[in-house]
Protein backbone atom coordinates (compact mmCIF):
# COMPACT_ATOMS: atom_id res chain seq x y z
CA MET A 1 2.55 52.62 66.55
CA THR A 2 6.14 52.71 67.48
CA ASN A 3 8.89 51.84 65.11
CA ASP A 4 11.47 49.58 66.70
CA MET A 5 13.42 49.24 63.47
CA PRO A 6 17.06 50.22 63.98
CA ASP A 7 17.98 53.58 62.48
CA ALA A 8 20.43 51.87 60.17
CA LEU A 9 17.55 50.10 58.40
CA GLN A 10 14.87 52.81 58.44
CA PRO A 11 13.76 54.03 55.02
CA GLY A 12 15.57 57.15 53.83
CA ARG A 13 18.29 56.90 56.50
CA SER A 14 21.39 55.10 55.40
CA ALA A 15 23.99 53.79 57.79
CA PHE A 16 26.56 55.23 55.44
CA SER A 17 25.27 58.74 56.10
CA ARG A 18 26.86 58.57 59.52
CA VAL A 19 30.22 57.15 58.34
CA PRO A 20 31.93 60.54 57.84
CA LEU A 21 30.87 61.64 61.32
CA ALA A 22 32.08 58.38 62.81
CA LEU A 23 35.37 58.60 60.96
CA ALA A 24 35.82 62.22 62.01
CA THR A 25 35.22 61.21 65.61
CA VAL A 26 37.80 58.44 65.35
CA VAL A 27 40.34 60.71 63.65
CA ILE A 28 39.87 63.54 66.16
CA GLY A 29 40.07 61.11 69.02
CA GLY A 30 43.22 59.62 67.55
CA MET A 31 44.76 63.05 67.12
CA ILE A 32 43.99 63.93 70.71
CA GLY A 33 45.52 60.67 71.83
CA PHE A 34 48.58 61.23 69.64
CA ALA A 35 48.98 64.73 71.05
CA GLY A 36 48.71 63.37 74.54
CA ILE A 37 51.38 60.75 73.94
CA TYR A 38 53.69 62.53 71.51
CA GLY A 39 52.64 66.13 71.08
CA LEU A 40 53.01 67.27 74.65
CA GLY A 41 56.13 65.21 75.07
CA GLY A 42 57.47 66.70 71.85
CA LEU A 43 56.73 70.19 73.09
CA LYS A 44 58.49 69.37 76.32
CA ARG A 45 61.54 68.01 74.50
CA HIS A 46 61.55 71.04 72.22
CA ALA A 47 61.44 73.37 75.21
CA LEU A 48 64.28 71.52 76.88
CA ALA A 49 66.33 71.62 73.70
CA ASP A 50 65.83 75.36 73.26
CA ALA A 51 66.29 76.33 76.89
CA PRO A 52 70.12 76.21 76.94
CA CYS A 53 70.24 78.47 73.87
CA ALA A 54 67.85 81.18 75.07
CA ALA A 55 70.79 83.23 76.35
CA ALA A 56 72.55 82.79 72.99
CA LEU A 57 69.60 84.36 71.22
CA GLU A 58 69.84 87.40 73.47
CA LEU A 59 73.57 87.67 72.78
CA SER A 60 72.95 87.29 69.08
CA ARG A 61 70.53 90.21 69.16
CA LYS A 62 73.04 92.19 71.19
CA ILE A 63 75.90 91.78 68.70
CA ALA A 64 73.75 92.20 65.58
CA PRO A 65 74.20 96.00 65.38
CA LEU A 66 77.97 95.49 65.74
CA ALA A 67 78.29 93.11 62.78
CA LYS A 68 79.60 95.82 60.49
CA GLY A 69 82.82 97.14 59.01
CA GLU A 70 85.54 94.51 59.20
CA VAL A 71 83.10 91.95 60.64
CA ALA A 72 80.09 92.79 58.49
CA ALA A 73 80.05 89.23 57.16
CA VAL A 74 79.26 87.81 60.60
CA THR A 75 75.73 86.42 60.57
CA PRO A 76 74.04 86.60 64.00
CA ALA A 77 72.05 83.46 64.76
CA THR A 78 68.27 83.86 64.65
CA LYS A 79 67.75 80.27 65.82
CA PRO A 80 70.88 79.42 67.82
CA LEU A 81 72.01 75.83 67.53
CA GLN A 82 73.35 73.72 70.34
CA MET A 83 76.81 72.95 69.03
CA PRO A 84 77.98 69.34 68.70
CA ASP A 85 80.75 68.46 71.12
CA LEU A 86 83.47 68.59 68.48
CA ALA A 87 86.51 66.43 69.15
CA PHE A 88 90.11 67.19 68.18
CA VAL A 89 93.60 67.02 69.74
CA ASP A 90 96.07 69.53 71.17
CA ALA A 91 99.72 70.02 70.25
CA ASP A 92 100.70 66.98 72.35
CA GLY A 93 98.08 64.76 70.73
CA LYS A 94 95.87 64.74 73.81
CA PRO A 95 92.10 64.60 73.20
CA LYS A 96 90.16 67.83 73.51
CA LYS A 97 86.48 68.64 73.10
CA LEU A 98 84.64 71.87 72.49
CA SER A 99 82.92 71.40 75.85
CA ASP A 100 86.31 71.90 77.53
CA TRP A 101 85.70 75.62 76.99
CA ARG A 102 82.24 75.73 78.56
CA GLY A 103 81.85 78.85 80.67
CA ARG A 104 83.66 81.02 78.11
CA ILE A 105 82.67 82.71 74.89
CA VAL A 106 84.53 80.89 72.11
CA LEU A 107 85.45 81.90 68.61
CA LEU A 108 85.85 78.52 66.94
CA ASN A 109 87.86 78.73 63.73
CA LEU A 110 88.68 75.99 61.23
CA TRP A 111 91.79 76.56 59.13
CA ALA A 112 94.27 74.77 56.91
CA THR A 113 97.64 75.66 55.38
CA TRP A 114 96.31 74.92 51.86
CA CYS A 115 93.68 77.64 52.38
CA VAL A 116 95.17 81.02 51.40
CA PRO A 117 92.51 83.15 53.18
CA CYS A 118 93.06 81.02 56.30
CA ARG A 119 96.77 81.74 56.33
CA LYS A 120 96.13 85.47 55.91
CA GLU A 121 93.59 85.42 58.73
CA MET A 122 95.71 83.64 61.34
CA PRO A 123 97.76 86.66 62.51
CA ALA A 124 94.54 88.56 63.23
CA LEU A 125 93.18 85.62 65.22
CA ASP A 126 96.45 85.43 67.13
CA ASN A 127 96.21 89.15 67.94
CA LEU A 128 92.58 88.79 69.02
CA GLU A 129 93.54 86.02 71.43
CA GLY A 130 96.29 88.30 72.74
CA LYS A 131 93.85 91.18 73.26
CA LEU A 132 90.83 89.40 74.72
CA GLY A 133 91.84 85.82 75.51
CA GLY A 134 91.34 84.77 79.13
CA ASP A 135 88.76 83.42 81.53
CA ARG A 136 85.84 84.88 79.55
CA PHE A 137 86.93 84.40 75.96
CA ALA A 138 89.12 82.15 73.84
CA VAL A 139 89.98 81.68 70.20
CA VAL A 140 89.98 77.96 69.44
CA ALA A 141 91.58 77.52 66.03
CA VAL A 142 91.45 73.93 64.79
CA ASN A 143 93.68 72.94 61.90
CA ILE A 144 92.30 70.38 59.44
CA ASP A 145 95.37 69.59 57.34
CA THR A 146 95.06 65.88 56.58
CA ARG A 147 98.53 65.02 55.26
CA ASP A 148 101.52 66.65 56.93
CA ALA A 149 100.92 67.19 60.65
CA GLU A 150 104.12 69.23 61.01
CA LYS A 151 103.30 71.75 58.29
CA PRO A 152 100.68 73.74 60.26
CA LYS A 153 102.89 73.73 63.35
CA ALA A 154 105.76 75.09 61.27
CA PHE A 155 103.47 77.75 59.80
CA LEU A 156 102.51 79.04 63.25
CA LYS A 157 106.13 79.01 64.41
CA ASP A 158 107.51 80.69 61.28
CA ASN A 159 104.93 83.47 61.60
CA ASN A 160 105.48 83.88 65.35
CA LEU A 161 101.85 83.08 66.12
CA THR A 162 102.44 82.10 69.72
CA ARG A 163 99.25 83.16 71.48
CA LEU A 164 96.98 80.69 69.74
CA GLY A 165 96.85 77.19 71.13
CA TYR A 166 97.49 74.51 68.53
CA PHE A 167 94.59 72.15 67.92
CA SER A 168 94.09 69.79 65.01
CA ASP A 169 91.85 67.17 63.45
CA ALA A 170 93.77 65.20 60.83
CA LYS A 171 90.55 63.55 59.63
CA ALA A 172 88.73 66.90 59.21
CA LYS A 173 85.71 65.43 60.97
CA VAL A 174 85.07 68.75 62.72
CA PHE A 175 84.44 70.31 59.32
CA GLN A 176 82.01 67.56 58.36
CA ASP A 177 80.22 67.84 61.71
CA LEU A 178 79.72 71.56 61.19
CA LYS A 179 78.75 71.06 57.57
CA THR A 180 76.05 68.63 58.69
CA ILE A 181 74.36 71.37 60.71
CA GLY A 182 74.87 74.02 58.03
CA LEU A 183 77.73 75.91 59.67
CA ALA A 184 80.62 75.02 57.35
CA LEU A 185 80.24 76.17 53.77
CA GLY A 186 83.90 76.74 52.98
CA MET A 187 87.25 77.67 54.46
CA PRO A 188 87.96 79.40 56.67
CA THR A 189 84.83 79.08 58.74
CA SER A 190 84.26 80.56 62.18
CA VAL A 191 81.49 80.20 64.76
CA LEU A 192 80.99 82.42 67.78
CA ILE A 193 79.73 80.27 70.65
CA ASP A 194 78.32 81.22 74.04
CA ALA A 195 79.26 79.86 77.46
CA ASN A 196 76.61 77.13 77.19
CA GLY A 197 77.90 75.80 73.87
CA CYS A 198 75.28 77.51 71.71
CA GLU A 199 75.86 79.35 68.44
CA ILE A 200 75.75 83.15 68.63
CA GLY A 201 76.84 83.85 65.08
CA ASN A 202 78.92 82.48 62.22
CA ILE A 203 80.94 83.59 59.25
CA ALA A 204 82.02 81.80 56.10
CA GLY A 205 85.29 83.36 55.02
CA PRO A 206 87.99 85.49 56.65
CA ALA A 207 87.67 88.60 58.78
CA GLU A 208 90.00 91.14 60.37
CA TRP A 209 89.56 89.68 63.82
CA ASP A 210 91.95 92.12 65.52
CA SER A 211 90.18 95.21 64.13
CA ASP A 212 88.28 97.65 66.33
CA ASP A 213 85.03 96.37 64.82
CA ALA A 214 85.83 92.78 65.79
CA VAL A 215 87.02 93.68 69.27
CA LYS A 216 83.82 95.64 69.94
CA LEU A 217 81.68 92.73 68.76
CA ILE A 218 83.53 90.18 70.88
CA ALA A 219 83.55 92.50 73.87
CA ALA A 220 79.79 92.88 73.58
CA ALA A 221 79.39 89.10 73.51
CA THR A 222 81.51 88.67 76.62
CA GLY A 223 79.89 91.59 78.41
CA SER A 224 83.21 93.34 78.90
């Protein structure tokens, strides 16, 4: 005699015994669907985000052995960040952006006249620009004095620092933008950036940027 009773009602076999399996099937199916909609797209977006900075990682590894001596405090990037397109102005008050230097290795430096280590570091940065500045490399020193706009200009003039271009951000937003991504912990702060706008390395504090150690490190980054 056949038993046409549905499994759910047969003695000794509870419908609830199959609930975990059903739930697991739903969950797995949902995960697969989620991966299809978001996961693969997320992987694609991640790949696109990292692609511009692949070369920066190679440069970071290249300069790592040279981060010694006078530039021992430089931290090569292990996960290079795509830099925000920082905005500031030049000596004439005209808008500038970090992307204006795309195609060149950039040593971005934030400084202020109230920062004693910054003032001591500026001559070395000026000398570095004189030694290596050109089509392949530039020092972009951005002043963040927020009160007297003439004071930093006077400082550069009084110290005959003529090779550095004058750039400023009276609202110090560039500092906050870098702080947001973990690249500004104090003053001065400097970030070495590749031709695609990706971080190669960074340093919190001053360095002897015109020393042989620094010149070798920058030269390695520029491939010169």
